[in-house]
Amino acid sequence: MAYWLFKSEPGTWSWEDQVNKGEIGEGWDGVRNYQANNNMKKMKVGDLGFFYHSVKEKQIVGIVKIIGEHRPDPTDKKNIFGMVIIEAVQEVKKFVTLAEIKSNENLADLALIKQARLSVVPVSKEHWKEICKMAKTASYF
């Protein structure tokens, strides 16, 4: 199993929006960065990800699961980029802010910090466990 982090502006697509989609999930569309798209191509059904509210909130708010692998993104008129389908799994018990992440020396090389502009980044198993601990949420998934 691999782990990921999905960044979204809550005014565009929020954790609540994701939760409201239920078991059918939602396509993570609109990605227009080659590296982020390549990250999604590596995703497999069952992989997990953090759902991160960007812009003003800058915090991890939930955990999602990949329920549909990479496919064409219908919002891409040039048919270059793709998307995956994600489903909300659970809200974290304690939101984890970017400031908290940056202050944790165990997360110094986290892609969220190193590649801050990417909307989809990988998360190592060690980083996953550390952030779950910070979020007071079980990492046993």
C-alpha atoms as a PDB file:
ATOM      1  CA  MET A   1       0.000   0.000   0.000  1.00  0.00           C
ATOM      2  CA  ALA A   2       1.160   3.513  -0.802  1.00  0.00           C
ATOM      3  CA  TYR A   3       0.244   6.783   0.894  1.00  0.00           C
ATOM      4  CA  TRP A   4      -0.497  10.184  -0.607  1.00  0.00           C
ATOM      5  CA  LEU A   5      -1.597  13.713   0.199  1.00  0.00           C
ATOM      6  CA  PHE A   6      -4.279  15.578  -1.777  1.00  0.00           C
ATOM      7  CA  LYS A   7      -4.439  19.368  -1.481  1.00  0.00           C
ATOM      8  CA  SER A   8      -7.659  21.235  -2.117  1.00  0.00           C
ATOM      9  CA  GLU A   9      -8.901  24.751  -1.590  1.00  0.00           C
ATOM     10  CA  PRO A  10     -11.890  24.288   0.735  1.00  0.00           C
ATOM     11  CA  GLY A  11     -13.834  26.953  -1.162  1.00  0.00           C
ATOM     12  CA  THR A  12     -13.486  24.852  -4.325  1.00  0.00           C
ATOM     13  CA  TRP A  13     -13.736  21.304  -2.914  1.00  0.00           C
ATOM     14  CA  SER A  14     -13.869  20.775   0.838  1.00  0.00           C
ATOM     15  CA  TRP A  15     -13.635  17.781   3.137  1.00  0.00           C
ATOM     16  CA  GLU A  16     -17.382  18.127   3.691  1.00  0.00           C
ATOM     17  CA  ASP A  17     -17.947  17.974  -0.089  1.00  0.00           C
ATOM     18  CA  GLN A  18     -15.850  14.797  -0.218  1.00  0.00           C
ATOM     19  CA  VAL A  19     -17.712  13.201   2.695  1.00  0.00           C
ATOM     20  CA  ASN A  20     -21.049  14.033   1.079  1.00  0.00           C
ATOM     21  CA  LYS A  21     -20.096  11.999  -2.022  1.00  0.00           C
ATOM     22  CA  GLY A  22     -20.254   8.847   0.112  1.00  0.00           C
ATOM     23  CA  GLU A  23     -19.179   5.475  -1.240  1.00  0.00           C
ATOM     24  CA  ILE A  24     -19.289   6.596  -4.880  1.00  0.00           C
ATOM     25  CA  GLY A  25     -16.419   8.986  -4.180  1.00  0.00           C
ATOM     26  CA  GLU A  26     -15.330  11.760  -6.489  1.00  0.00           C
ATOM     27  CA  GLY A  27     -12.851  12.179  -9.303  1.00  0.00           C
ATOM     28  CA  TRP A  28      -9.747  14.152  -8.315  1.00  0.00           C
ATOM     29  CA  ASP A  29      -9.867  16.191 -11.503  1.00  0.00           C
ATOM     30  CA  GLY A  30      -8.421  19.507 -12.578  1.00  0.00           C
ATOM     31  CA  VAL A  31      -4.784  18.582 -11.929  1.00  0.00           C
ATOM     32  CA  ARG A  32      -2.646  20.318 -14.557  1.00  0.00           C
ATOM     33  CA  ASN A  33       0.849  19.521 -13.346  1.00  0.00           C
ATOM     34  CA  TYR A  34       2.826  16.669 -14.921  1.00  0.00           C
ATOM     35  CA  GLN A  35       4.481  15.575 -11.679  1.00  0.00           C
ATOM     36  CA  ALA A  36       1.179  15.525  -9.754  1.00  0.00           C
ATOM     37  CA  ASN A  37      -0.417  13.618 -12.651  1.00  0.00           C
ATOM     38  CA  ASN A  38       2.457  11.106 -12.632  1.00  0.00           C
ATOM     39  CA  ASN A  39       1.903  10.640  -8.882  1.00  0.00           C
ATOM     40  CA  MET A  40      -1.732   9.764  -9.581  1.00  0.00           C
ATOM     41  CA  LYS A  41      -0.672   7.252 -12.261  1.00  0.00           C
ATOM     42  CA  LYS A  42       1.158   5.326  -9.497  1.00  0.00           C
ATOM     43  CA  MET A  43      -1.918   5.064  -7.271  1.00  0.00           C
ATOM     44  CA  LYS A  44      -3.657   1.727  -6.757  1.00  0.00           C
ATOM     45  CA  VAL A  45      -7.103   0.917  -5.404  1.00  0.00           C
ATOM     46  CA  GLY A  46      -6.828   0.731  -1.625  1.00  0.00           C
ATOM     47  CA  ASP A  47      -4.008   3.274  -1.288  1.00  0.00           C
ATOM     48  CA  LEU A  48      -4.712   5.932   1.337  1.00  0.00           C
ATOM     49  CA  GLY A  49      -4.215   9.668   1.362  1.00  0.00           C
ATOM     50  CA  PHE A  50      -4.479  12.669   3.592  1.00  0.00           C
ATOM     51  CA  PHE A  51      -7.023  15.311   2.586  1.00  0.00           C
ATOM     52  CA  TYR A  52      -5.402  18.720   3.089  1.00  0.00           C
ATOM     53  CA  HIS A  53      -7.196  22.063   3.065  1.00  0.00           C
ATOM     54  CA  SER A  54      -4.873  24.577   1.430  1.00  0.00           C
ATOM     55  CA  VAL A  55      -4.892  28.398   1.180  1.00  0.00           C
ATOM     56  CA  LYS A  56      -6.085  29.874   4.495  1.00  0.00           C
ATOM     57  CA  GLU A  57      -6.561  26.715   6.588  1.00  0.00           C
ATOM     58  CA  LYS A  58      -3.356  24.834   5.652  1.00  0.00           C
ATOM     59  CA  GLN A  59      -4.164  21.663   7.566  1.00  0.00           C
ATOM     60  CA  ILE A  60      -4.812  17.957   7.180  1.00  0.00           C
ATOM     61  CA  VAL A  61      -8.471  17.321   7.913  1.00  0.00           C
ATOM     62  CA  GLY A  62      -9.210  13.778   6.782  1.00  0.00           C
ATOM     63  CA  ILE A  63      -8.195  10.482   5.242  1.00  0.00           C
ATOM     64  CA  VAL A  64      -9.303   9.269   1.817  1.00  0.00           C
ATOM     65  CA  LYS A  65      -8.974   5.988  -0.057  1.00  0.00           C
ATOM     66  CA  ILE A  66      -8.299   5.422  -3.752  1.00  0.00           C
ATOM     67  CA  ILE A  67     -11.320   3.601  -5.193  1.00  0.00           C
ATOM     68  CA  GLY A  68     -10.603   4.180  -8.889  1.00  0.00           C
ATOM     69  CA  GLU A  69      -7.221   4.199 -10.600  1.00  0.00           C
ATOM     70  CA  HIS A  70      -5.903   6.730 -13.113  1.00  0.00           C
ATOM     71  CA  ARG A  71      -8.191   7.491 -16.048  1.00  0.00           C
ATOM     72  CA  PRO A  72      -8.799  10.407 -18.433  1.00  0.00           C
ATOM     73  CA  ASP A  73      -9.901  13.651 -16.795  1.00  0.00           C
ATOM     74  CA  PRO A  74     -13.103  14.808 -18.519  1.00  0.00           C
ATOM     75  CA  THR A  75     -12.322  18.426 -17.585  1.00  0.00           C
ATOM     76  CA  ASP A  76      -9.094  18.337 -19.650  1.00  0.00           C
ATOM     77  CA  LYS A  77     -10.068  19.402 -23.172  1.00  0.00           C
ATOM     78  CA  LYS A  78      -6.574  18.506 -24.500  1.00  0.00           C
ATOM     79  CA  ASN A  79      -6.813  14.981 -23.015  1.00  0.00           C
ATOM     80  CA  ILE A  80      -3.319  15.180 -21.486  1.00  0.00           C
ATOM     81  CA  PHE A  81      -4.044  14.819 -17.779  1.00  0.00           C
ATOM     82  CA  GLY A  82      -5.929  12.221 -15.801  1.00  0.00           C
ATOM     83  CA  MET A  83      -7.588  11.717 -12.453  1.00  0.00           C
ATOM     84  CA  VAL A  84      -8.242   9.100  -9.783  1.00  0.00           C
ATOM     85  CA  ILE A  85     -11.413   8.478  -7.801  1.00  0.00           C
ATOM     86  CA  ILE A  86     -11.217   8.971  -4.036  1.00  0.00           C
ATOM     87  CA  GLU A  87     -13.599   8.222  -1.191  1.00  0.00           C
ATOM     88  CA  ALA A  88     -13.622   9.828   2.253  1.00  0.00           C
ATOM     89  CA  VAL A  89     -12.646   7.313   4.955  1.00  0.00           C
ATOM     90  CA  GLN A  90     -12.680   9.400   8.113  1.00  0.00           C
ATOM     91  CA  GLU A  91     -12.023  12.819   9.527  1.00  0.00           C
ATOM     92  CA  VAL A  92      -8.856  12.969  11.601  1.00  0.00           C
ATOM     93  CA  LYS A  93      -9.442  13.440  15.333  1.00  0.00           C
ATOM     94  CA  LYS A  94      -7.119  16.453  15.468  1.00  0.00           C
ATOM     95  CA  PHE A  95      -6.431  18.625  12.445  1.00  0.00           C
ATOM     96  CA  VAL A  96      -2.690  18.875  11.732  1.00  0.00           C
ATOM     97  CA  THR A  97      -1.550  22.292  10.567  1.00  0.00           C
ATOM     98  CA  LEU A  98       1.264  23.039   8.163  1.00  0.00           C
ATOM     99  CA  ALA A  99       3.038  24.900  10.973  1.00  0.00           C
ATOM    100  CA  GLU A 100       2.925  21.756  13.139  1.00  0.00           C
ATOM    101  CA  ILE A 101       4.216  19.658  10.263  1.00  0.00           C
ATOM    102  CA  LYS A 102       7.076  22.062   9.593  1.00  0.00           C
ATOM    103  CA  SER A 103       8.042  22.124  13.276  1.00  0.00           C
ATOM    104  CA  ASN A 104       8.301  18.303  13.448  1.00  0.00           C
ATOM    105  CA  GLU A 105      11.873  17.306  12.607  1.00  0.00           C
ATOM    106  CA  ASN A 106      10.681  13.799  11.667  1.00  0.00           C
ATOM    107  CA  LEU A 107       8.800  15.379   8.739  1.00  0.00           C
ATOM    108  CA  ALA A 108      11.580  17.637   7.428  1.00  0.00           C
ATOM    109  CA  ASP A 109      11.750  15.843   4.075  1.00  0.00           C
ATOM    110  CA  LEU A 110       7.981  15.461   3.593  1.00  0.00           C
ATOM    111  CA  ALA A 111       6.994  16.258  -0.005  1.00  0.00           C
ATOM    112  CA  LEU A 112       4.315  18.677   1.248  1.00  0.00           C
ATOM    113  CA  ILE A 113       7.167  20.862   2.493  1.00  0.00           C
ATOM    114  CA  LYS A 114       9.724  20.119  -0.232  1.00  0.00           C
ATOM    115  CA  GLN A 115       7.285  20.438  -3.148  1.00  0.00           C
ATOM    116  CA  ALA A 116       4.780  22.838  -1.671  1.00  0.00           C
ATOM    117  CA  ARG A 117       3.132  23.797  -4.953  1.00  0.00           C
ATOM    118  CA  LEU A 118       2.123  20.262  -5.970  1.00  0.00           C
ATOM    119  CA  SER A 119      -1.502  19.314  -5.356  1.00  0.00           C
ATOM    120  CA  VAL A 120      -0.816  15.565  -5.126  1.00  0.00           C
ATOM    121  CA  VAL A 121       2.303  14.271  -3.378  1.00  0.00           C
ATOM    122  CA  PRO A 122       3.548  10.931  -2.044  1.00  0.00           C
ATOM    123  CA  VAL A 123       3.831  10.295   1.701  1.00  0.00           C
ATOM    124  CA  SER A 124       6.257   7.685   3.046  1.00  0.00           C
ATOM    125  CA  LYS A 125       5.028   5.028   5.470  1.00  0.00           C
ATOM    126  CA  GLU A 126       7.109   6.639   8.252  1.00  0.00           C
ATOM    127  CA  HIS A 127       5.640  10.077   7.537  1.00  0.00           C
ATOM    128  CA  TRP A 128       2.147   8.564   7.386  1.00  0.00           C
ATOM    129  CA  LYS A 129       2.554   7.040  10.851  1.00  0.00           C
ATOM    130  CA  GLU A 130       3.994  10.268  12.293  1.00  0.00           C
ATOM    131  CA  ILE A 131       1.179  12.426  10.932  1.00  0.00           C
ATOM    132  CA  CYS A 132      -1.461   9.928  12.095  1.00  0.00           C
ATOM    133  CA  LYS A 133       0.075  10.138  15.565  1.00  0.00           C
ATOM    134  CA  MET A 134      -0.092  13.941  15.423  1.00  0.00           C
ATOM    135  CA  ALA A 135      -3.712  13.684  14.224  1.00  0.00           C
ATOM    136  CA  LYS A 136      -4.559  11.299  17.082  1.00  0.00           C
ATOM    137  CA  THR A 137      -5.852   8.926  14.403  1.00  0.00           C
ATOM    138  CA  ALA A 138      -5.004   5.241  14.040  1.00  0.00           C
ATOM    139  CA  SER A 139      -2.509   4.468  11.270  1.00  0.00           C
ATOM    140  CA  TYR A 140      -3.502   0.807  10.998  1.00  0.00           C
ATOM    141  CA  PHE A 141      -5.374   1.237   7.708  1.00  0.00           C
END
